[in-house]
Each structure stands twice: as C-alpha cells, then as structure tokens.
Amino acid sequence: MAKRQSRSQPTWTAVKAKLAAFDRTALLDLIHHLYAAHKDNQAFLHARFGLGEDVLEPYKKTIDRWLWPDPFSNQDTSVIKAKQAITDYKKAVGDPAGLTELMVFYCEQAAGYCRDIGYQDEGFFDALVRMFEQALKSANTLPVEGRDGLLARLDRVRKISHAFGYGVGDDMDYLLAKYAKHSG
C-alpha cells in the first residue's frame, strides 16, 4: 500500500507568493471571481470601498436574521453567526463608529426578540450582556455627538432587559454605571 505524502495546509505566505506573479489584469480577474463567488465577498468589498448607500446594511441583515428569526419558519437563533457579521465588518472596514453601530444594533435586536417573542435562553442573555459591555466600551471611544445617541439606545435596551430575569437588567445597570460617559 502506497503511503500518502503529508502536506501542510496552505498559508497566506504561499498564497502571497503566487499572487506576486499576477499582473494587474490577472489580479482583477481573480477579485472578480471572488466577488461573484459569494455575497459575503461582495459585502466585504462594498464595505471596504464605501460603495452603496449603507455599507452596514448587509451586516445588519445578518444580525437580524440570526437574532430575530421568523418564529413561523422554524428558524433558529445563532449568537455565533450574528457576532460573525460584526467580525466580518471589522475585517472589511474597522470604522469605530460603524462597528459600534453594529454592536448596538445587535443589542437592540437581541433584546427586542426576547421581549416580543418571550425568548428565554440563559446563553443568549449572557451573550447580550457581553455585547452590551463591548458596545459601551466602544461607544466611549467615539466623539460626544456620536456617543450620546448610542448610549441612549443602549439605555433603552437596558430598560427592556429588566423584564427578562436572570439578572440581565441588573448586569446592564452595573455596566452602564461603570462605562457610560455622558456629555455635559
């Protein structure tokens, strides 16, 4: 029986070496094929180059889908897939204001779903509280004119979350007191 040769997984270094041989036309053709291959690649390129009216929209759609699924379509929630949208945006652009907007939107969607559907899942709540904290920290890095509106939205999430139990609202009270900076 012939022994299979073991090959290590390709790395970015190997890909970069291959790309070095491409001319402009070949590189554009490759990017075109990547663009056409998947909507996530399109969203990445649109965000990176600031194309379209709202570069956050495809990321918000993903967050909405996984945090507020259609209850009549037997869809599941997925904290991991919702958070992945935020990570994908960070890799594409990394704009602090856009990143914070997505985190606040995540909190609004998660809290709204729990309130409207009566969803009770401790892991979901834990993820909401962690994202709430990240959103507060991120908001504090923004100028006052952007920060205060985001903090007001997070405060609404905090108020909604007091109805959930599991200490969610109490945790958010503590975090808001710890991290919130208001203009004044």
C-alpha atoms as a PDB file:
ATOM      1  CA  MET A   1       0.000   0.000   0.000  1.00  0.00           C
ATOM      2  CA  ALA A   2       1.406   3.363  -1.027  1.00  0.00           C
ATOM      3  CA  LYS A   3       1.921   5.852   1.737  1.00  0.00           C
ATOM      4  CA  ARG A   4       0.258   9.225   1.206  1.00  0.00           C
ATOM      5  CA  GLN A   5       2.549  12.170   1.426  1.00  0.00           C
ATOM      6  CA  SER A   6       1.537  14.562   4.149  1.00  0.00           C
ATOM      7  CA  ARG A   7       1.102  18.133   3.045  1.00  0.00           C
ATOM      8  CA  SER A   8       0.705  21.014   5.368  1.00  0.00           C
ATOM      9  CA  GLN A   9      -2.223  23.335   4.827  1.00  0.00           C
ATOM     10  CA  PRO A  10      -1.511  26.274   2.531  1.00  0.00           C
ATOM     11  CA  THR A  11      -0.828  29.550   4.300  1.00  0.00           C
ATOM     12  CA  TRP A  12      -1.173  33.220   3.444  1.00  0.00           C
ATOM     13  CA  THR A  13       2.556  33.245   2.688  1.00  0.00           C
ATOM     14  CA  ALA A  14       2.074  30.606  -0.022  1.00  0.00           C
ATOM     15  CA  VAL A  15      -0.901  32.482  -1.495  1.00  0.00           C
ATOM     16  CA  LYS A  16       1.021  35.769  -1.419  1.00  0.00           C
ATOM     17  CA  ALA A  17       3.908  34.163  -3.294  1.00  0.00           C
ATOM     18  CA  LYS A  18       1.520  33.025  -6.040  1.00  0.00           C
ATOM     19  CA  LEU A  19      -0.128  36.441  -6.214  1.00  0.00           C
ATOM     20  CA  ALA A  20       3.246  38.118  -6.695  1.00  0.00           C
ATOM     21  CA  ALA A  21       3.378  36.588 -10.158  1.00  0.00           C
ATOM     22  CA  PHE A  22      -0.007  38.069 -11.209  1.00  0.00           C
ATOM     23  CA  ASP A  23      -0.226  41.121 -13.411  1.00  0.00           C
ATOM     24  CA  ARG A  24      -2.947  43.722 -12.914  1.00  0.00           C
ATOM     25  CA  THR A  25      -5.402  42.028 -15.286  1.00  0.00           C
ATOM     26  CA  ALA A  26      -4.982  38.609 -13.676  1.00  0.00           C
ATOM     27  CA  LEU A  27      -5.412  40.118 -10.194  1.00  0.00           C
ATOM     28  CA  LEU A  28      -8.583  41.954 -11.218  1.00  0.00           C
ATOM     29  CA  ASP A  29      -9.916  38.739 -12.769  1.00  0.00           C
ATOM     30  CA  LEU A  30      -9.250  36.854  -9.536  1.00  0.00           C
ATOM     31  CA  ILE A  31     -11.010  39.526  -7.460  1.00  0.00           C
ATOM     32  CA  HIS A  32     -13.922  39.459  -9.908  1.00  0.00           C
ATOM     33  CA  HIS A  33     -14.280  35.708  -9.425  1.00  0.00           C
ATOM     34  CA  LEU A  34     -14.129  36.076  -5.642  1.00  0.00           C
ATOM     35  CA  TYR A  35     -16.747  38.839  -5.865  1.00  0.00           C
ATOM     36  CA  ALA A  36     -19.060  36.647  -7.922  1.00  0.00           C
ATOM     37  CA  ALA A  37     -18.494  33.565  -5.747  1.00  0.00           C
ATOM     38  CA  HIS A  38     -20.290  34.686  -2.597  1.00  0.00           C
ATOM     39  CA  LYS A  39     -22.401  37.550  -1.261  1.00  0.00           C
ATOM     40  CA  ASP A  40     -20.115  37.827   1.783  1.00  0.00           C
ATOM     41  CA  ASN A  41     -17.225  38.731  -0.538  1.00  0.00           C
ATOM     42  CA  GLN A  42     -19.434  41.350  -2.179  1.00  0.00           C
ATOM     43  CA  ALA A  43     -20.385  42.820   1.209  1.00  0.00           C
ATOM     44  CA  PHE A  44     -16.708  42.900   2.209  1.00  0.00           C
ATOM     45  CA  LEU A  45     -15.639  44.748  -0.951  1.00  0.00           C
ATOM     46  CA  HIS A  46     -18.605  47.140  -0.836  1.00  0.00           C
ATOM     47  CA  ALA A  47     -17.789  47.988   2.791  1.00  0.00           C
ATOM     48  CA  ARG A  48     -14.038  48.265   2.195  1.00  0.00           C
ATOM     49  CA  PHE A  49     -14.531  50.698  -0.693  1.00  0.00           C
ATOM     50  CA  GLY A  50     -17.541  52.542   0.767  1.00  0.00           C
ATOM     51  CA  LEU A  51     -19.841  51.512  -2.060  1.00  0.00           C
ATOM     52  CA  GLY A  52     -23.609  51.687  -1.773  1.00  0.00           C
ATOM     53  CA  GLU A  53     -25.885  53.847   0.320  1.00  0.00           C
ATOM     54  CA  ASP A  54     -25.419  51.914   3.569  1.00  0.00           C
ATOM     55  CA  VAL A  55     -22.396  49.654   3.921  1.00  0.00           C
ATOM     56  CA  LEU A  56     -23.749  48.415   7.272  1.00  0.00           C
ATOM     57  CA  GLU A  57     -26.983  47.094   5.750  1.00  0.00           C
ATOM     58  CA  PRO A  58     -25.814  43.575   4.763  1.00  0.00           C
ATOM     59  CA  TYR A  59     -24.226  43.128   8.191  1.00  0.00           C
ATOM     60  CA  LYS A  60     -27.411  44.316   9.914  1.00  0.00           C
ATOM     61  CA  LYS A  61     -29.460  41.893   7.808  1.00  0.00           C
ATOM     62  CA  THR A  62     -27.265  39.038   9.007  1.00  0.00           C
ATOM     63  CA  ILE A  63     -27.535  40.127  12.640  1.00  0.00           C
ATOM     64  CA  ASP A  64     -31.304  40.498  12.282  1.00  0.00           C
ATOM     65  CA  ARG A  65     -31.655  37.046  10.702  1.00  0.00           C
ATOM     66  CA  TRP A  66     -29.763  35.264  13.477  1.00  0.00           C
ATOM     67  CA  LEU A  67     -31.039  37.240  16.472  1.00  0.00           C
ATOM     68  CA  TRP A  68     -34.645  37.720  15.390  1.00  0.00           C
ATOM     69  CA  PRO A  69     -35.579  34.691  13.277  1.00  0.00           C
ATOM     70  CA  ASP A  70     -39.037  34.227  11.850  1.00  0.00           C
ATOM     71  CA  PRO A  71     -40.893  32.194  14.502  1.00  0.00           C
ATOM     72  CA  PHE A  72     -43.233  30.752  11.855  1.00  0.00           C
ATOM     73  CA  SER A  73     -40.415  29.455   9.646  1.00  0.00           C
ATOM     74  CA  ASN A  74     -38.818  27.148  12.225  1.00  0.00           C
ATOM     75  CA  GLN A  75     -35.590  29.165  12.114  1.00  0.00           C
ATOM     76  CA  ASP A  76     -33.026  29.041  14.919  1.00  0.00           C
ATOM     77  CA  THR A  77     -31.154  31.836  16.626  1.00  0.00           C
ATOM     78  CA  SER A  78     -27.365  31.893  16.445  1.00  0.00           C
ATOM     79  CA  VAL A  79     -25.289  34.215  18.579  1.00  0.00           C
ATOM     80  CA  ILE A  80     -22.153  32.987  16.808  1.00  0.00           C
ATOM     81  CA  LYS A  81     -23.440  33.833  13.333  1.00  0.00           C
ATOM     82  CA  ALA A  82     -24.722  37.236  14.468  1.00  0.00           C
ATOM     83  CA  LYS A  83     -21.364  38.070  16.066  1.00  0.00           C
ATOM     84  CA  GLN A  84     -19.593  36.877  12.916  1.00  0.00           C
ATOM     85  CA  ALA A  85     -21.271  39.694  10.974  1.00  0.00           C
ATOM     86  CA  ILE A  86     -19.654  42.207  13.336  1.00  0.00           C
ATOM     87  CA  THR A  87     -16.280  40.492  12.979  1.00  0.00           C
ATOM     88  CA  ASP A  88     -16.638  40.483   9.182  1.00  0.00           C
ATOM     89  CA  TYR A  89     -17.363  44.223   9.158  1.00  0.00           C
ATOM     90  CA  LYS A  90     -14.365  44.850  11.425  1.00  0.00           C
ATOM     91  CA  LYS A  91     -12.124  42.986   8.961  1.00  0.00           C
ATOM     92  CA  ALA A  92     -13.587  44.817   5.974  1.00  0.00           C
ATOM     93  CA  VAL A  93     -13.510  48.357   7.325  1.00  0.00           C
ATOM     94  CA  GLY A  94     -12.977  48.541  11.056  1.00  0.00           C
ATOM     95  CA  ASP A  95     -14.543  52.001  11.304  1.00  0.00           C
ATOM     96  CA  PRO A  96     -15.174  52.503  15.051  1.00  0.00           C
ATOM     97  CA  ALA A  97     -18.492  54.308  14.538  1.00  0.00           C
ATOM     98  CA  GLY A  98     -19.800  51.598  12.192  1.00  0.00           C
ATOM     99  CA  LEU A  99     -18.551  48.858  14.480  1.00  0.00           C
ATOM    100  CA  THR A 100     -20.264  50.430  17.498  1.00  0.00           C
ATOM    101  CA  GLU A 101     -23.470  50.873  15.494  1.00  0.00           C
ATOM    102  CA  LEU A 102     -23.474  47.146  14.706  1.00  0.00           C
ATOM    103  CA  MET A 103     -22.895  46.261  18.367  1.00  0.00           C
ATOM    104  CA  VAL A 104     -25.762  48.500  19.500  1.00  0.00           C
ATOM    105  CA  PHE A 105     -27.974  47.080  16.740  1.00  0.00           C
ATOM    106  CA  TYR A 106     -27.085  43.563  17.957  1.00  0.00           C
ATOM    107  CA  CYS A 107     -28.225  44.513  21.478  1.00  0.00           C
ATOM    108  CA  GLU A 108     -31.446  46.071  20.178  1.00  0.00           C
ATOM    109  CA  GLN A 109     -32.299  43.032  18.071  1.00  0.00           C
ATOM    110  CA  ALA A 110     -31.495  40.513  20.802  1.00  0.00           C
ATOM    111  CA  ALA A 111     -33.454  42.407  23.467  1.00  0.00           C
ATOM    112  CA  GLY A 112     -36.357  43.125  21.110  1.00  0.00           C
ATOM    113  CA  TYR A 113     -36.647  39.477  20.127  1.00  0.00           C
ATOM    114  CA  CYS A 114     -36.626  38.319  23.735  1.00  0.00           C
ATOM    115  CA  ARG A 115     -39.271  40.911  24.653  1.00  0.00           C
ATOM    116  CA  ASP A 116     -41.571  40.294  21.684  1.00  0.00           C
ATOM    117  CA  ILE A 117     -41.292  36.502  21.473  1.00  0.00           C
ATOM    118  CA  GLY A 118     -40.710  35.777  25.155  1.00  0.00           C
ATOM    119  CA  TYR A 119     -37.445  34.030  24.348  1.00  0.00           C
ATOM    120  CA  GLN A 120     -35.743  32.743  27.487  1.00  0.00           C
ATOM    121  CA  ASP A 121     -32.251  31.362  26.967  1.00  0.00           C
ATOM    122  CA  GLU A 122     -29.510  31.958  29.514  1.00  0.00           C
ATOM    123  CA  GLY A 123     -26.698  31.648  26.923  1.00  0.00           C
ATOM    124  CA  PHE A 124     -28.461  34.161  24.670  1.00  0.00           C
ATOM    125  CA  PHE A 125     -28.806  36.538  27.629  1.00  0.00           C
ATOM    126  CA  ASP A 126     -25.135  36.098  28.584  1.00  0.00           C
ATOM    127  CA  ALA A 127     -24.095  36.944  25.018  1.00  0.00           C
ATOM    128  CA  LEU A 128     -26.389  40.001  25.078  1.00  0.00           C
ATOM    129  CA  VAL A 129     -24.793  41.284  28.294  1.00  0.00           C
ATOM    130  CA  ARG A 130     -21.277  40.732  26.894  1.00  0.00           C
ATOM    131  CA  MET A 131     -22.170  42.598  23.683  1.00  0.00           C
ATOM    132  CA  PHE A 132     -23.803  45.358  25.746  1.00  0.00           C
ATOM    133  CA  GLU A 133     -20.489  45.804  27.592  1.00  0.00           C
ATOM    134  CA  GLN A 134     -18.481  45.819  24.351  1.00  0.00           C
ATOM    135  CA  ALA A 135     -20.877  48.378  22.850  1.00  0.00           C
ATOM    136  CA  LEU A 136     -20.494  50.637  25.893  1.00  0.00           C
ATOM    137  CA  LYS A 137     -16.706  50.421  25.770  1.00  0.00           C
ATOM    138  CA  SER A 138     -16.697  51.095  22.035  1.00  0.00           C
ATOM    139  CA  ALA A 139     -19.145  53.997  22.327  1.00  0.00           C
ATOM    140  CA  ASN A 140     -16.806  55.636  24.829  1.00  0.00           C
ATOM    141  CA  THR A 141     -14.124  55.879  22.147  1.00  0.00           C
ATOM    142  CA  LEU A 142     -16.381  57.985  19.907  1.00  0.00           C
ATOM    143  CA  PRO A 143     -16.844  61.754  19.864  1.00  0.00           C
ATOM    144  CA  VAL A 144     -19.682  63.075  22.042  1.00  0.00           C
ATOM    145  CA  GLU A 145     -22.027  63.765  19.114  1.00  0.00           C
ATOM    146  CA  GLY A 146     -21.952  60.105  18.064  1.00  0.00           C
ATOM    147  CA  ARG A 147     -21.665  58.613  21.523  1.00  0.00           C
ATOM    148  CA  ASP A 148     -24.715  60.080  23.258  1.00  0.00           C
ATOM    149  CA  GLY A 149     -27.245  58.738  20.751  1.00  0.00           C
ATOM    150  CA  LEU A 150     -25.740  55.261  21.003  1.00  0.00           C
ATOM    151  CA  LEU A 151     -25.781  55.416  24.811  1.00  0.00           C
ATOM    152  CA  ALA A 152     -29.457  56.432  24.739  1.00  0.00           C
ATOM    153  CA  ARG A 153     -30.220  53.384  22.564  1.00  0.00           C
ATOM    154  CA  LEU A 154     -28.275  51.135  24.941  1.00  0.00           C
ATOM    155  CA  ASP A 155     -30.207  52.608  27.853  1.00  0.00           C
ATOM    156  CA  ARG A 156     -33.460  51.551  26.112  1.00  0.00           C
ATOM    157  CA  VAL A 157     -32.022  48.040  25.755  1.00  0.00           C
ATOM    158  CA  ARG A 158     -31.188  48.078  29.472  1.00  0.00           C
ATOM    159  CA  LYS A 159     -34.743  49.088  30.395  1.00  0.00           C
ATOM    160  CA  ILE A 160     -36.252  46.359  28.184  1.00  0.00           C
ATOM    161  CA  SER A 161     -33.879  43.782  29.679  1.00  0.00           C
ATOM    162  CA  HIS A 162     -35.159  44.261  33.220  1.00  0.00           C
ATOM    163  CA  ALA A 163     -38.162  42.121  32.259  1.00  0.00           C
ATOM    164  CA  PHE A 164     -36.046  39.080  31.321  1.00  0.00           C
ATOM    165  CA  GLY A 165     -34.936  37.822  34.713  1.00  0.00           C
ATOM    166  CA  TYR A 166     -31.609  36.006  35.054  1.00  0.00           C
ATOM    167  CA  GLY A 167     -30.092  39.275  36.345  1.00  0.00           C
ATOM    168  CA  VAL A 168     -29.793  40.674  32.805  1.00  0.00           C
ATOM    169  CA  GLY A 169     -31.144  44.121  33.676  1.00  0.00           C
ATOM    170  CA  ASP A 170     -29.091  44.289  36.881  1.00  0.00           C
ATOM    171  CA  ASP A 171     -25.916  43.391  34.976  1.00  0.00           C
ATOM    172  CA  MET A 172     -26.680  46.125  32.459  1.00  0.00           C
ATOM    173  CA  ASP A 173     -27.356  48.660  35.252  1.00  0.00           C
ATOM    174  CA  TYR A 174     -23.904  47.921  36.645  1.00  0.00           C
ATOM    175  CA  LEU A 175     -22.209  48.110  33.241  1.00  0.00           C
ATOM    176  CA  LEU A 176     -23.929  51.356  32.262  1.00  0.00           C
ATOM    177  CA  ALA A 177     -22.873  52.967  35.550  1.00  0.00           C
ATOM    178  CA  LYS A 178     -19.322  51.658  35.090  1.00  0.00           C
ATOM    179  CA  TYR A 179     -18.715  52.656  31.457  1.00  0.00           C
ATOM    180  CA  ALA A 180     -21.162  55.340  30.372  1.00  0.00           C
ATOM    181  CA  LYS A 181     -19.819  58.806  29.671  1.00  0.00           C
ATOM    182  CA  HIS A 182     -22.388  61.462  29.010  1.00  0.00           C
ATOM    183  CA  SER A 183     -21.703  64.869  27.568  1.00  0.00           C
ATOM    184  CA  GLY A 184     -22.236  67.672  29.924  1.00  0.00           C
END
